[in-house]
C-alpha atoms as a PDB file:
ATOM      1  CA  MET A   1      -9.300 -37.259   5.233  1.00  0.00           C
ATOM      2  CA  LYS A   2      -9.450 -40.073   2.730  1.00  0.00           C
ATOM      3  CA  LYS A   3      -6.368 -41.150   0.789  1.00  0.00           C
ATOM      4  CA  GLU A   4      -7.896 -39.710  -2.402  1.00  0.00           C
ATOM      5  CA  GLU A   5      -8.394 -36.339  -0.724  1.00  0.00           C
ATOM      6  CA  VAL A   6      -4.815 -36.317   0.538  1.00  0.00           C
ATOM      7  CA  ILE A   7      -3.528 -37.120  -2.959  1.00  0.00           C
ATOM      8  CA  ALA A   8      -5.734 -34.373  -4.423  1.00  0.00           C
ATOM      9  CA  THR A   9      -4.422 -31.755  -1.984  1.00  0.00           C
ATOM     10  CA  GLU A  10      -0.834 -32.819  -2.679  1.00  0.00           C
ATOM     11  CA  LYS A  11      -1.466 -32.362  -6.411  1.00  0.00           C
ATOM     12  CA  GLN A  12      -3.018 -28.936  -5.757  1.00  0.00           C
ATOM     13  CA  LYS A  13       0.095 -27.947  -3.794  1.00  0.00           C
ATOM     14  CA  GLU A  14       2.297 -29.114  -6.660  1.00  0.00           C
ATOM     15  CA  ILE A  15       0.227 -27.137  -9.198  1.00  0.00           C
ATOM     16  CA  VAL A  16       0.405 -24.008  -7.023  1.00  0.00           C
ATOM     17  CA  ALA A  17       4.155 -24.473  -6.569  1.00  0.00           C
ATOM     18  CA  GLU A  18       4.621 -24.818 -10.335  1.00  0.00           C
ATOM     19  CA  LYS A  19       2.621 -21.620 -10.955  1.00  0.00           C
ATOM     20  CA  GLU A  20       4.688 -19.782  -8.342  1.00  0.00           C
ATOM     21  CA  LYS A  21       7.908 -21.002  -9.973  1.00  0.00           C
ATOM     22  CA  VAL A  22       6.697 -19.672 -13.329  1.00  0.00           C
ATOM     23  CA  ILE A  23       5.823 -16.294 -11.789  1.00  0.00           C
ATOM     24  CA  VAL A  24       9.213 -16.126 -10.042  1.00  0.00           C
ATOM     25  CA  SER A  25      11.122 -16.974 -13.221  1.00  0.00           C
ATOM     26  CA  GLU A  26       9.129 -14.366 -15.170  1.00  0.00           C
ATOM     27  CA  LYS A  27       9.985 -11.726 -12.544  1.00  0.00           C
ATOM     28  CA  GLU A  28      13.654 -12.724 -12.717  1.00  0.00           C
ATOM     29  CA  GLU A  29      13.582 -12.384 -16.498  1.00  0.00           C
ATOM     30  CA  VAL A  30      12.103  -8.888 -16.178  1.00  0.00           C
ATOM     31  CA  ILE A  31      14.836  -7.903 -13.708  1.00  0.00           C
ATOM     32  CA  VAL A  32      17.518  -9.271 -16.055  1.00  0.00           C
ATOM     33  CA  ALA A  33      15.966  -7.431 -19.008  1.00  0.00           C
ATOM     34  CA  GLU A  34      15.936  -4.135 -17.095  1.00  0.00           C
ATOM     35  CA  ALA A  35      19.530  -4.501 -15.860  1.00  0.00           C
END
């Protein structure tokens, strides 16, 4: 892989991780709201 491709995949991973964090925090908020 080229350096650019590696950087692009790293950014994709970061974006996915951010989305997952948002989903997790939303789920936690729902659990807190139901408790």
